[in-house]
Amino acid sequence: MSDVSPHIERLLGEALAPLEPPAHLVDRLEETLTSITELAAGELEAWELAAMRDPRHWVRPAAALVVGGSAATALVLLRARRRAKGSPATIGAVRENAESTLRDLGSEARRLLGDS
């Protein structure tokens, strides 16, 4: 019985090993998230404040805000993961990656809101 256990552990280790997606898939995901973020920003830009008096008009801006915010967040995390993959996992590197991610999030928010 003890002879089977290491064999099963090795098989499970091979089966559950993390796989990296192909580079073209990551690029395509990034393009899609960028496109969704820009479309949501365009929808919010076209939003007329006077029309918001009627609650029936709240659906599109609210959906654009949620979808665009989610896509922008996923895009920032995807870029941060890509950048963190090449750097060593030390405390300083983790802090640097966190600061860089926050800067990216801020610059992406300013870009989407039109404040350069």
PDB file of N, CA and C in Angstrom:
ATOM      1  N   MET A   1       0.821  -1.193   0.000  1.00  0.00           N
ATOM      2  CA  MET A   1       0.000   0.000   0.000  1.00  0.00           C
ATOM      3  C   MET A   1       0.865   1.257   0.000  1.00  0.00           C
ATOM      4  N   SER A   2       1.991   1.222   0.736  1.00  0.00           N
ATOM      5  CA  SER A   2       2.858   2.392   0.799  1.00  0.00           C
ATOM      6  C   SER A   2       3.565   2.610  -0.540  1.00  0.00           C
ATOM      7  N   ASP A   3       3.645   1.549  -1.352  1.00  0.00           N
ATOM      8  CA  ASP A   3       4.276   1.647  -2.656  1.00  0.00           C
ATOM      9  C   ASP A   3       3.390   2.413  -3.639  1.00  0.00           C
ATOM     10  N   VAL A   4       2.086   2.364  -3.465  1.00  0.00           N
ATOM     11  CA  VAL A   4       1.126   3.004  -4.354  1.00  0.00           C
ATOM     12  C   VAL A   4       0.997   4.499  -4.039  1.00  0.00           C
ATOM     13  N   SER A   5       1.119   4.857  -2.800  1.00  0.00           N
ATOM     14  CA  SER A   5       0.908   6.238  -2.376  1.00  0.00           C
ATOM     15  C   SER A   5       1.831   7.249  -3.061  1.00  0.00           C
ATOM     16  N   PRO A   6       3.142   7.012  -3.134  1.00  0.00           N
ATOM     17  CA  PRO A   6       3.997   7.981  -3.842  1.00  0.00           C
ATOM     18  C   PRO A   6       3.665   8.073  -5.327  1.00  0.00           C
ATOM     19  N   HIS A   7       3.252   6.940  -5.901  1.00  0.00           N
ATOM     20  CA  HIS A   7       2.879   6.936  -7.312  1.00  0.00           C
ATOM     21  C   HIS A   7       1.643   7.803  -7.547  1.00  0.00           C
ATOM     22  N   ILE A   8       0.658   7.673  -6.690  1.00  0.00           N
ATOM     23  CA  ILE A   8      -0.568   8.470  -6.799  1.00  0.00           C
ATOM     24  C   ILE A   8      -0.257   9.939  -6.571  1.00  0.00           C
ATOM     25  N   GLU A   9       0.589  10.230  -5.589  1.00  0.00           N
ATOM     26  CA  GLU A   9       0.963  11.628  -5.323  1.00  0.00           C
ATOM     27  C   GLU A   9       1.678  12.233  -6.524  1.00  0.00           C
ATOM     28  N   ARG A  10       2.542  11.484  -7.147  1.00  0.00           N
ATOM     29  CA  ARG A  10       3.254  11.992  -8.323  1.00  0.00           C
ATOM     30  C   ARG A  10       2.283  12.238  -9.473  1.00  0.00           C
ATOM     31  N   LEU A  11       1.350  11.301  -9.698  1.00  0.00           N
ATOM     32  CA  LEU A  11       0.360  11.469 -10.758  1.00  0.00           C
ATOM     33  C   LEU A  11      -0.537  12.678 -10.497  1.00  0.00           C
ATOM     34  N   LEU A  12      -0.957  12.829  -9.246  1.00  0.00           N
ATOM     35  CA  LEU A  12      -1.778  13.991  -8.907  1.00  0.00           C
ATOM     36  C   LEU A  12      -0.992  15.292  -9.076  1.00  0.00           C
ATOM     37  N   GLY A  13       0.259  15.279  -8.694  1.00  0.00           N
ATOM     38  CA  GLY A  13       1.108  16.458  -8.857  1.00  0.00           C
ATOM     39  C   GLY A  13       1.256  16.855 -10.314  1.00  0.00           C
ATOM     40  N   GLU A  14       1.407  15.875 -11.192  1.00  0.00           N
ATOM     41  CA  GLU A  14       1.508  16.149 -12.628  1.00  0.00           C
ATOM     42  C   GLU A  14       0.177  16.635 -13.191  1.00  0.00           C
ATOM     43  N   ALA A  15      -0.910  16.030 -12.741  1.00  0.00           N
ATOM     44  CA  ALA A  15      -2.228  16.392 -13.269  1.00  0.00           C
ATOM     45  C   ALA A  15      -2.670  17.783 -12.814  1.00  0.00           C
ATOM     46  N   LEU A  16      -2.287  18.162 -11.616  1.00  0.00           N
ATOM     47  CA  LEU A  16      -2.741  19.440 -11.067  1.00  0.00           C
ATOM     48  C   LEU A  16      -1.690  20.550 -11.168  1.00  0.00           C
ATOM     49  N   ALA A  17      -0.658  20.321 -11.927  1.00  0.00           N
ATOM     50  CA  ALA A  17       0.373  21.354 -12.102  1.00  0.00           C
ATOM     51  C   ALA A  17      -0.220  22.538 -12.861  1.00  0.00           C
ATOM     52  N   PRO A  18       0.093  23.758 -12.424  1.00  0.00           N
ATOM     53  CA  PRO A  18      -0.464  24.934 -13.114  1.00  0.00           C
ATOM     54  C   PRO A  18       0.079  25.051 -14.537  1.00  0.00           C
ATOM     55  N   LEU A  19      -0.784  25.451 -15.433  1.00  0.00           N
ATOM     56  CA  LEU A  19      -0.408  25.625 -16.830  1.00  0.00           C
ATOM     57  C   LEU A  19      -0.469  27.106 -17.178  1.00  0.00           C
ATOM     58  N   GLU A  20       0.474  27.557 -17.940  1.00  0.00           N
ATOM     59  CA  GLU A  20       0.474  28.932 -18.408  1.00  0.00           C
ATOM     60  C   GLU A  20      -0.286  28.985 -19.728  1.00  0.00           C
ATOM     61  N   PRO A  21      -1.202  29.941 -19.858  1.00  0.00           N
ATOM     62  CA  PRO A  21      -1.916  30.056 -21.131  1.00  0.00           C
ATOM     63  C   PRO A  21      -0.967  30.549 -22.225  1.00  0.00           C
ATOM     64  N   PRO A  22      -1.279  30.251 -23.466  1.00  0.00           N
ATOM     65  CA  PRO A  22      -0.437  30.729 -24.561  1.00  0.00           C
ATOM     66  C   PRO A  22      -0.422  32.270 -24.605  1.00  0.00           C
ATOM     67  N   ALA A  23       0.670  32.834 -25.096  1.00  0.00           N
ATOM     68  CA  ALA A  23       0.833  34.293 -25.120  1.00  0.00           C
ATOM     69  C   ALA A  23      -0.251  34.961 -25.954  1.00  0.00           C
ATOM     70  N   HIS A  24      -0.640  34.338 -27.066  1.00  0.00           N
ATOM     71  CA  HIS A  24      -1.666  34.966 -27.899  1.00  0.00           C
ATOM     72  C   HIS A  24      -3.013  35.032 -27.184  1.00  0.00           C
ATOM     73  N   LEU A  25      -3.282  34.079 -26.320  1.00  0.00           N
ATOM     74  CA  LEU A  25      -4.532  34.101 -25.566  1.00  0.00           C
ATOM     75  C   LEU A  25      -4.533  35.237 -24.537  1.00  0.00           C
ATOM     76  N   VAL A  26      -3.397  35.443 -23.890  1.00  0.00           N
ATOM     77  CA  VAL A  26      -3.276  36.528 -22.920  1.00  0.00           C
ATOM     78  C   VAL A  26      -3.398  37.872 -23.626  1.00  0.00           C
ATOM     79  N   ASP A  27      -2.770  38.004 -24.792  1.00  0.00           N
ATOM     80  CA  ASP A  27      -2.867  39.244 -25.566  1.00  0.00           C
ATOM     81  C   ASP A  27      -4.306  39.501 -26.008  1.00  0.00           C
ATOM     82  N   ARG A  28      -4.972  38.455 -26.437  1.00  0.00           N
ATOM     83  CA  ARG A  28      -6.367  38.587 -26.877  1.00  0.00           C
ATOM     84  C   ARG A  28      -7.275  38.992 -25.707  1.00  0.00           C
ATOM     85  N   LEU A  29      -7.028  38.411 -24.536  1.00  0.00           N
ATOM     86  CA  LEU A  29      -7.794  38.768 -23.348  1.00  0.00           C
ATOM     87  C   LEU A  29      -7.562  40.230 -22.991  1.00  0.00           C
ATOM     88  N   GLU A  30      -6.311  40.669 -23.070  1.00  0.00           N
ATOM     89  CA  GLU A  30      -5.995  42.066 -22.768  1.00  0.00           C
ATOM     90  C   GLU A  30      -6.679  43.010 -23.759  1.00  0.00           C
ATOM     91  N   GLU A  31      -6.677  42.666 -25.036  1.00  0.00           N
ATOM     92  CA  GLU A  31      -7.359  43.483 -26.044  1.00  0.00           C
ATOM     93  C   GLU A  31      -8.862  43.540 -25.782  1.00  0.00           C
ATOM     94  N   THR A  32      -9.451  42.413 -25.424  1.00  0.00           N
ATOM     95  CA  THR A  32     -10.883  42.365 -25.149  1.00  0.00           C
ATOM     96  C   THR A  32     -11.238  43.208 -23.931  1.00  0.00           C
ATOM     97  N   LEU A  33     -10.451  43.091 -22.866  1.00  0.00           N
ATOM     98  CA  LEU A  33     -10.710  43.885 -21.667  1.00  0.00           C
ATOM     99  C   LEU A  33     -10.539  45.375 -21.943  1.00  0.00           C
ATOM    100  N   THR A  34      -9.543  45.732 -22.742  1.00  0.00           N
ATOM    101  CA  THR A  34      -9.348  47.133 -23.114  1.00  0.00           C
ATOM    102  C   THR A  34     -10.537  47.640 -23.910  1.00  0.00           C
ATOM    103  N   SER A  35     -11.002  46.846 -24.839  1.00  0.00           N
ATOM    104  CA  SER A  35     -12.155  47.222 -25.657  1.00  0.00           C
ATOM    105  C   SER A  35     -13.411  47.413 -24.799  1.00  0.00           C
ATOM    106  N   ILE A  36     -13.657  46.501 -23.882  1.00  0.00           N
ATOM    107  CA  ILE A  36     -14.823  46.605 -22.995  1.00  0.00           C
ATOM    108  C   ILE A  36     -14.721  47.853 -22.133  1.00  0.00           C
ATOM    109  N   THR A  37     -13.533  48.122 -21.604  1.00  0.00           N
ATOM    110  CA  THR A  37     -13.335  49.302 -20.767  1.00  0.00           C
ATOM    111  C   THR A  37     -13.593  50.575 -21.557  1.00  0.00           C
ATOM    112  N   GLU A  38     -13.084  50.643 -22.783  1.00  0.00           N
ATOM    113  CA  GLU A  38     -13.287  51.832 -23.610  1.00  0.00           C
ATOM    114  C   GLU A  38     -14.743  51.998 -24.013  1.00  0.00           C
ATOM    115  N   LEU A  39     -15.438  50.902 -24.319  1.00  0.00           N
ATOM    116  CA  LEU A  39     -16.855  50.987 -24.648  1.00  0.00           C
ATOM    117  C   LEU A  39     -17.679  51.483 -23.454  1.00  0.00           C
ATOM    118  N   ALA A  40     -17.352  50.985 -22.274  1.00  0.00           N
ATOM    119  CA  ALA A  40     -18.066  51.430 -21.072  1.00  0.00           C
ATOM    120  C   ALA A  40     -17.787  52.896 -20.794  1.00  0.00           C
ATOM    121  N   ALA A  41     -16.549  53.322 -21.001  1.00  0.00           N
ATOM    122  CA  ALA A  41     -16.215  54.733 -20.799  1.00  0.00           C
ATOM    123  C   ALA A  41     -16.964  55.607 -21.802  1.00  0.00           C
ATOM    124  N   GLY A  42     -17.080  55.151 -23.039  1.00  0.00           N
ATOM    125  CA  GLY A  42     -17.843  55.885 -24.052  1.00  0.00           C
ATOM    126  C   GLY A  42     -19.310  55.985 -23.690  1.00  0.00           C
ATOM    127  N   GLU A  43     -19.852  54.904 -23.155  1.00  0.00           N
ATOM    128  CA  GLU A  43     -21.257  54.909 -22.721  1.00  0.00           C
ATOM    129  C   GLU A  43     -21.463  55.910 -21.594  1.00  0.00           C
ATOM    130  N   LEU A  44     -20.553  55.932 -20.649  1.00  0.00           N
ATOM    131  CA  LEU A  44     -20.673  56.880 -19.535  1.00  0.00           C
ATOM    132  C   LEU A  44     -20.450  58.320 -19.997  1.00  0.00           C
ATOM    133  N   GLU A  45     -19.606  58.488 -21.003  1.00  0.00           N
ATOM    134  CA  GLU A  45     -19.344  59.823 -21.532  1.00  0.00           C
ATOM    135  C   GLU A  45     -20.577  60.386 -22.218  1.00  0.00           C
ATOM    136  N   ALA A  46     -21.337  59.512 -22.868  1.00  0.00           N
ATOM    137  CA  ALA A  46     -22.540  59.938 -23.574  1.00  0.00           C
ATOM    138  C   ALA A  46     -23.740  60.120 -22.640  1.00  0.00           C
ATOM    139  N   TRP A  47     -23.549  59.821 -21.401  1.00  0.00           N
ATOM    140  CA  TRP A  47     -24.599  59.878 -20.403  1.00  0.00           C
ATOM    141  C   TRP A  47     -25.040  61.322 -20.178  1.00  0.00           C
ATOM    142  N   GLU A  48     -26.325  61.558 -20.216  1.00  0.00           N
ATOM    143  CA  GLU A  48     -26.873  62.889 -19.992  1.00  0.00           C
ATOM    144  C   GLU A  48     -27.434  62.964 -18.584  1.00  0.00           C
ATOM    145  N   LEU A  49     -26.935  63.905 -17.833  1.00  0.00           N
ATOM    146  CA  LEU A  49     -27.333  64.046 -16.440  1.00  0.00           C
ATOM    147  C   LEU A  49     -28.816  64.400 -16.310  1.00  0.00           C
ATOM    148  N   ALA A  50     -29.335  65.180 -17.242  1.00  0.00           N
ATOM    149  CA  ALA A  50     -30.743  65.583 -17.181  1.00  0.00           C
ATOM    150  C   ALA A  50     -31.677  64.376 -17.332  1.00  0.00           C
ATOM    151  N   ALA A  51     -31.237  63.370 -18.083  1.00  0.00           N
ATOM    152  CA  ALA A  51     -32.076  62.183 -18.307  1.00  0.00           C
ATOM    153  C   ALA A  51     -32.121  61.281 -17.092  1.00  0.00           C
ATOM    154  N   MET A  52     -31.284  61.520 -16.125  1.00  0.00           N
ATOM    155  CA  MET A  52     -31.216  60.632 -14.963  1.00  0.00           C
ATOM    156  C   MET A  52     -32.331  60.876 -13.961  1.00  0.00           C
ATOM    157  N   ARG A  53     -33.169  61.845 -14.211  1.00  0.00           N
ATOM    158  CA  ARG A  53     -34.305  62.067 -13.299  1.00  0.00           C
ATOM    159  C   ARG A  53     -35.279  60.887 -13.337  1.00  0.00           C
ATOM    160  N   ASP A  54     -35.331  60.232 -14.450  1.00  0.00           N
ATOM    161  CA  ASP A  54     -36.218  59.084 -14.616  1.00  0.00           C
ATOM    162  C   ASP A  54     -35.438  57.806 -14.295  1.00  0.00           C
ATOM    163  N   PRO A  55     -35.858  57.047 -13.280  1.00  0.00           N
ATOM    164  CA  PRO A  55     -35.117  55.830 -12.890  1.00  0.00           C
ATOM    165  C   PRO A  55     -35.020  54.777 -13.994  1.00  0.00           C
ATOM    166  N   ARG A  56     -35.866  54.849 -14.989  1.00  0.00           N
ATOM    167  CA  ARG A  56     -35.785  53.874 -16.087  1.00  0.00           C
ATOM    168  C   ARG A  56     -34.513  54.054 -16.907  1.00  0.00           C
ATOM    169  N   HIS A  57     -33.904  55.220 -16.819  1.00  0.00           N
ATOM    170  CA  HIS A  57     -32.690  55.505 -17.588  1.00  0.00           C
ATOM    171  C   HIS A  57     -31.420  55.159 -16.815  1.00  0.00           C
ATOM    172  N   TRP A  58     -31.542  54.609 -15.643  1.00  0.00           N
ATOM    173  CA  TRP A  58     -30.380  54.321 -14.800  1.00  0.00           C
ATOM    174  C   TRP A  58     -29.681  53.022 -15.171  1.00  0.00           C
ATOM    175  N   VAL A  59     -30.347  52.166 -15.916  1.00  0.00           N
ATOM    176  CA  VAL A  59     -29.819  50.828 -16.169  1.00  0.00           C
ATOM    177  C   VAL A  59     -28.537  50.859 -17.000  1.00  0.00           C
ATOM    178  N   ARG A  60     -28.543  51.571 -18.115  1.00  0.00           N
ATOM    179  CA  ARG A  60     -27.369  51.573 -18.998  1.00  0.00           C
ATOM    180  C   ARG A  60     -26.132  52.173 -18.329  1.00  0.00           C
ATOM    181  N   PRO A  61     -26.237  53.351 -17.684  1.00  0.00           N
ATOM    182  CA  PRO A  61     -25.040  53.878 -17.016  1.00  0.00           C
ATOM    183  C   PRO A  61     -24.563  52.986 -15.867  1.00  0.00           C
ATOM    184  N   ALA A  62     -25.493  52.403 -15.132  1.00  0.00           N
ATOM    185  CA  ALA A  62     -25.103  51.518 -14.028  1.00  0.00           C
ATOM    186  C   ALA A  62     -24.407  50.274 -14.561  1.00  0.00           C
ATOM    187  N   ALA A  63     -24.946  49.703 -15.629  1.00  0.00           N
ATOM    188  CA  ALA A  63     -24.315  48.526 -16.233  1.00  0.00           C
ATOM    189  C   ALA A  63     -22.941  48.879 -16.797  1.00  0.00           C
ATOM    190  N   ALA A  64     -22.844  50.037 -17.445  1.00  0.00           N
ATOM    191  CA  ALA A  64     -21.546  50.467 -17.989  1.00  0.00           C
ATOM    192  C   ALA A  64     -20.532  50.678 -16.873  1.00  0.00           C
ATOM    193  N   LEU A  65     -20.990  51.217 -15.771  1.00  0.00           N
ATOM    194  CA  LEU A  65     -20.095  51.444 -14.637  1.00  0.00           C
ATOM    195  C   LEU A  65     -19.589  50.125 -14.055  1.00  0.00           C
ATOM    196  N   VAL A  66     -20.477  49.176 -13.868  1.00  0.00           N
ATOM    197  CA  VAL A  66     -20.097  47.885 -13.289  1.00  0.00           C
ATOM    198  C   VAL A  66     -19.216  47.083 -14.247  1.00  0.00           C
ATOM    199  N   VAL A  67     -19.641  46.980 -15.494  1.00  0.00           N
ATOM    200  CA  VAL A  67     -18.887  46.184 -16.472  1.00  0.00           C
ATOM    201  C   VAL A  67     -17.545  46.844 -16.771  1.00  0.00           C
ATOM    202  N   GLY A  68     -17.548  48.153 -16.982  1.00  0.00           N
ATOM    203  CA  GLY A  68     -16.303  48.866 -17.269  1.00  0.00           C
ATOM    204  C   GLY A  68     -15.339  48.829 -16.101  1.00  0.00           C
ATOM    205  N   GLY A  69     -15.863  48.996 -14.901  1.00  0.00           N
ATOM    206  CA  GLY A  69     -15.006  48.928 -13.715  1.00  0.00           C
ATOM    207  C   GLY A  69     -14.409  47.547 -13.519  1.00  0.00           C
ATOM    208  N   SER A  70     -15.211  46.537 -13.747  1.00  0.00           N
ATOM    209  CA  SER A  70     -14.711  45.155 -13.619  1.00  0.00           C
ATOM    210  C   SER A  70     -13.655  44.853 -14.671  1.00  0.00           C
ATOM    211  N   ALA A  71     -13.904  45.284 -15.904  1.00  0.00           N
ATOM    212  CA  ALA A  71     -12.937  45.035 -16.976  1.00  0.00           C
ATOM    213  C   ALA A  71     -11.643  45.802 -16.720  1.00  0.00           C
ATOM    214  N   ALA A  72     -11.747  47.034 -16.256  1.00  0.00           N
ATOM    215  CA  ALA A  72     -10.541  47.825 -15.963  1.00  0.00           C
ATOM    216  C   ALA A  72      -9.739  47.192 -14.823  1.00  0.00           C
ATOM    217  N   THR A  73     -10.434  46.726 -13.806  1.00  0.00           N
ATOM    218  CA  THR A  73      -9.755  46.069 -12.686  1.00  0.00           C
ATOM    219  C   THR A  73      -9.059  44.788 -13.149  1.00  0.00           C
ATOM    220  N   ALA A  74      -9.752  43.991 -13.945  1.00  0.00           N
ATOM    221  CA  ALA A  74      -9.156  42.754 -14.465  1.00  0.00           C
ATOM    222  C   ALA A  74      -7.954  43.065 -15.349  1.00  0.00           C
ATOM    223  N   LEU A  75      -8.035  44.139 -16.124  1.00  0.00           N
ATOM    224  CA  LEU A  75      -6.930  44.530 -16.993  1.00  0.00           C
ATOM    225  C   LEU A  75      -5.705  44.940 -16.181  1.00  0.00           C
ATOM    226  N   VAL A  76      -5.920  45.714 -15.134  1.00  0.00           N
ATOM    227  CA  VAL A  76      -4.808  46.123 -14.271  1.00  0.00           C
ATOM    228  C   VAL A  76      -4.184  44.902 -13.597  1.00  0.00           C
ATOM    229  N   LEU A  77      -5.012  43.985 -13.108  1.00  0.00           N
ATOM    230  CA  LEU A  77      -4.487  42.777 -12.460  1.00  0.00           C
ATOM    231  C   LEU A  77      -3.740  41.882 -13.447  1.00  0.00           C
ATOM    232  N   LEU A  78      -4.238  41.789 -14.669  1.00  0.00           N
ATOM    233  CA  LEU A  78      -3.567  40.996 -15.695  1.00  0.00           C
ATOM    234  C   LEU A  78      -2.196  41.576 -16.007  1.00  0.00           C
ATOM    235  N   ARG A  79      -2.129  42.890 -16.155  1.00  0.00           N
ATOM    236  CA  ARG A  79      -0.845  43.538 -16.435  1.00  0.00           C
ATOM    237  C   ARG A  79       0.106  43.421 -15.244  1.00  0.00           C
ATOM    238  N   ALA A  80      -0.434  43.537 -14.043  1.00  0.00           N
ATOM    239  CA  ALA A  80       0.406  43.411 -12.845  1.00  0.00           C
ATOM    240  C   ALA A  80       0.954  41.990 -12.730  1.00  0.00           C
ATOM    241  N   ARG A  81       0.143  41.007 -13.042  1.00  0.00           N
ATOM    242  CA  ARG A  81       0.598  39.606 -12.985  1.00  0.00           C
ATOM    243  C   ARG A  81       1.691  39.353 -14.011  1.00  0.00           C
ATOM    244  N   ARG A  82       1.500  39.915 -15.210  1.00  0.00           N
ATOM    245  CA  ARG A  82       2.494  39.746 -16.260  1.00  0.00           C
ATOM    246  C   ARG A  82       3.829  40.374 -15.844  1.00  0.00           C
ATOM    247  N   ARG A  83       3.759  41.560 -15.233  1.00  0.00           N
ATOM    248  CA  ARG A  83       4.968  42.253 -14.812  1.00  0.00           C
ATOM    249  C   ARG A  83       5.621  41.539 -13.620  1.00  0.00           C
ATOM    250  N   ALA A  84       4.802  41.007 -12.713  1.00  0.00           N
ATOM    251  CA  ALA A  84       5.332  40.347 -11.520  1.00  0.00           C
ATOM    252  C   ALA A  84       5.967  38.998 -11.841  1.00  0.00           C
ATOM    253  N   LYS A  85       5.589  38.418 -12.936  1.00  0.00           N
ATOM    254  CA  LYS A  85       6.108  37.099 -13.297  1.00  0.00           C
ATOM    255  C   LYS A  85       7.616  37.123 -13.497  1.00  0.00           C
ATOM    256  N   GLY A  86       8.161  38.235 -13.981  1.00  0.00           N
ATOM    257  CA  GLY A  86       9.585  38.310 -14.253  1.00  0.00           C
ATOM    258  C   GLY A  86      10.420  38.770 -13.081  1.00  0.00           C
ATOM    259  N   SER A  87       9.775  39.271 -12.020  1.00  0.00           N
ATOM    260  CA  SER A  87      10.558  39.804 -10.903  1.00  0.00           C
ATOM    261  C   SER A  87      10.634  38.796  -9.760  1.00  0.00           C
ATOM    262  N   PRO A  88      11.686  38.881  -8.942  1.00  0.00           N
ATOM    263  CA  PRO A  88      11.831  37.945  -7.827  1.00  0.00           C
ATOM    264  C   PRO A  88      10.786  38.191  -6.751  1.00  0.00           C
ATOM    265  N   ALA A  89      10.483  37.175  -5.979  1.00  0.00           N
ATOM    266  CA  ALA A  89       9.434  37.260  -4.957  1.00  0.00           C
ATOM    267  C   ALA A  89      10.016  37.648  -3.604  1.00  0.00           C
ATOM    268  N   THR A  90      10.597  38.820  -3.510  1.00  0.00           N
ATOM    269  CA  THR A  90      11.085  39.312  -2.228  1.00  0.00           C
ATOM    270  C   THR A  90      10.098  40.339  -1.701  1.00  0.00           C
ATOM    271  N   ILE A  91      10.244  40.713  -0.444  1.00  0.00           N
ATOM    272  CA  ILE A  91       9.340  41.693   0.154  1.00  0.00           C
ATOM    273  C   ILE A  91       9.408  43.019  -0.604  1.00  0.00           C
ATOM    274  N   GLY A  92      10.610  43.435  -0.969  1.00  0.00           N
ATOM    275  CA  GLY A  92      10.773  44.677  -1.721  1.00  0.00           C
ATOM    276  C   GLY A  92      10.091  44.609  -3.080  1.00  0.00           C
ATOM    277  N   ALA A  93      10.206  43.463  -3.743  1.00  0.00           N
ATOM    278  CA  ALA A  93       9.578  43.295  -5.053  1.00  0.00           C
ATOM    279  C   ALA A  93       8.059  43.283  -4.928  1.00  0.00           C
ATOM    280  N   VAL A  94       7.543  42.671  -3.872  1.00  0.00           N
ATOM    281  CA  VAL A  94       6.100  42.648  -3.661  1.00  0.00           C
ATOM    282  C   VAL A  94       5.583  44.065  -3.435  1.00  0.00           C
ATOM    283  N   ARG A  95       6.302  44.828  -2.626  1.00  0.00           N
ATOM    284  CA  ARG A  95       5.907  46.207  -2.367  1.00  0.00           C
ATOM    285  C   ARG A  95       5.979  47.031  -3.654  1.00  0.00           C
ATOM    286  N   GLU A  96       7.050  46.847  -4.403  1.00  0.00           N
ATOM    287  CA  GLU A  96       7.204  47.577  -5.664  1.00  0.00           C
ATOM    288  C   GLU A  96       6.088  47.236  -6.644  1.00  0.00           C
ATOM    289  N   ASN A  97       5.728  45.955  -6.733  1.00  0.00           N
ATOM    290  CA  ASN A  97       4.638  45.538  -7.617  1.00  0.00           C
ATOM    291  C   ASN A  97       3.304  46.115  -7.158  1.00  0.00           C
ATOM    292  N   ALA A  98       3.075  46.161  -5.856  1.00  0.00           N
ATOM    293  CA  ALA A  98       1.831  46.736  -5.339  1.00  0.00           C
ATOM    294  C   ALA A  98       1.760  48.228  -5.648  1.00  0.00           C
ATOM    295  N   GLU A  99       2.865  48.938  -5.445  1.00  0.00           N
ATOM    296  CA  GLU A  99       2.882  50.369  -5.753  1.00  0.00           C
ATOM    297  C   GLU A  99       2.678  50.612  -7.242  1.00  0.00           C
ATOM    298  N   SER A 100       3.318  49.798  -8.057  1.00  0.00           N
ATOM    299  CA  SER A 100       3.175  49.931  -9.504  1.00  0.00           C
ATOM    300  C   SER A 100       1.737  49.646  -9.948  1.00  0.00           C
ATOM    301  N   THR A 101       1.114  48.649  -9.327  1.00  0.00           N
ATOM    302  CA  THR A 101      -0.272  48.326  -9.653  1.00  0.00           C
ATOM    303  C   THR A 101      -1.195  49.480  -9.291  1.00  0.00           C
ATOM    304  N   LEU A 102      -0.973  50.081  -8.132  1.00  0.00           N
ATOM    305  CA  LEU A 102      -1.793  51.226  -7.729  1.00  0.00           C
ATOM    306  C   LEU A 102      -1.584  52.413  -8.668  1.00  0.00           C
ATOM    307  N   ARG A 103      -0.350  52.652  -9.090  1.00  0.00           N
ATOM    308  CA  ARG A 103      -0.092  53.727 -10.055  1.00  0.00           C
ATOM    309  C   ARG A 103      -0.804  53.442 -11.371  1.00  0.00           C
ATOM    310  N   ASP A 104      -0.737  52.186 -11.831  1.00  0.00           N
ATOM    311  CA  ASP A 104      -1.418  51.814 -13.076  1.00  0.00           C
ATOM    312  C   ASP A 104      -2.923  52.010 -12.952  1.00  0.00           C
ATOM    313  N   LEU A 105      -3.473  51.622 -11.812  1.00  0.00           N
ATOM    314  CA  LEU A 105      -4.910  51.784 -11.587  1.00  0.00           C
ATOM    315  C   LEU A 105      -5.296  53.255 -11.625  1.00  0.00           C
ATOM    316  N   GLY A 106      -4.485  54.095 -10.989  1.00  0.00           N
ATOM    317  CA  GLY A 106      -4.755  55.531 -11.000  1.00  0.00           C
ATOM    318  C   GLY A 106      -4.651  56.129 -12.381  1.00  0.00           C
ATOM    319  N   SER A 107      -3.621  55.741 -13.135  1.00  0.00           N
ATOM    320  CA  SER A 107      -3.464  56.297 -14.483  1.00  0.00           C
ATOM    321  C   SER A 107      -4.564  55.803 -15.413  1.00  0.00           C
ATOM    322  N   GLU A 108      -4.987  54.559 -15.259  1.00  0.00           N
ATOM    323  CA  GLU A 108      -6.078  54.029 -16.081  1.00  0.00           C
ATOM    324  C   GLU A 108      -7.382  54.753 -15.746  1.00  0.00           C
ATOM    325  N   ALA A 109      -7.631  55.018 -14.472  1.00  0.00           N
ATOM    326  CA  ALA A 109      -8.836  55.748 -14.068  1.00  0.00           C
ATOM    327  C   ALA A 109      -8.807  57.160 -14.618  1.00  0.00           C
ATOM    328  N   ARG A 110      -7.646  57.846 -14.545  1.00  0.00           N
ATOM    329  CA  ARG A 110      -7.541  59.204 -15.093  1.00  0.00           C
ATOM    330  C   ARG A 110      -7.754  59.199 -16.596  1.00  0.00           C
ATOM    331  N   ARG A 111      -7.217  58.177 -17.278  1.00  0.00           N
ATOM    332  CA  ARG A 111      -7.383  58.095 -18.729  1.00  0.00           C
ATOM    333  C   ARG A 111      -8.838  57.911 -19.101  1.00  0.00           C
ATOM    334  N   LEU A 112      -9.523  57.048 -18.348  1.00  0.00           N
ATOM    335  CA  LEU A 112     -10.931  56.786 -18.656  1.00  0.00           C
ATOM    336  C   LEU A 112     -11.811  57.982 -18.331  1.00  0.00           C
ATOM    337  N   LEU A 113     -11.447  58.718 -17.283  1.00  0.00           N
ATOM    338  CA  LEU A 113     -12.247  59.882 -16.905  1.00  0.00           C
ATOM    339  C   LEU A 113     -11.881  61.128 -17.698  1.00  0.00           C
ATOM    340  N   GLY A 114     -10.811  61.035 -18.490  1.00  0.00           N
ATOM    341  CA  GLY A 114     -10.434  62.158 -19.335  1.00  0.00           C
ATOM    342  C   GLY A 114      -9.568  63.185 -18.651  1.00  0.00           C
ATOM    343  N   ASP A 115      -9.084  62.917 -17.442  1.00  0.00           N
ATOM    344  CA  ASP A 115      -8.210  63.845 -16.727  1.00  0.00           C
ATOM    345  C   ASP A 115      -6.775  63.406 -16.941  1.00  0.00           C
ATOM    346  N   SER A 116      -6.076  64.035 -17.835  1.00  0.00           N
ATOM    347  CA  SER A 116      -4.686  63.631 -18.122  1.00  0.00           C
ATOM    348  C   SER A 116      -3.756  64.144 -17.104  1.00  0.00           C
TER     349      SER A 116
END
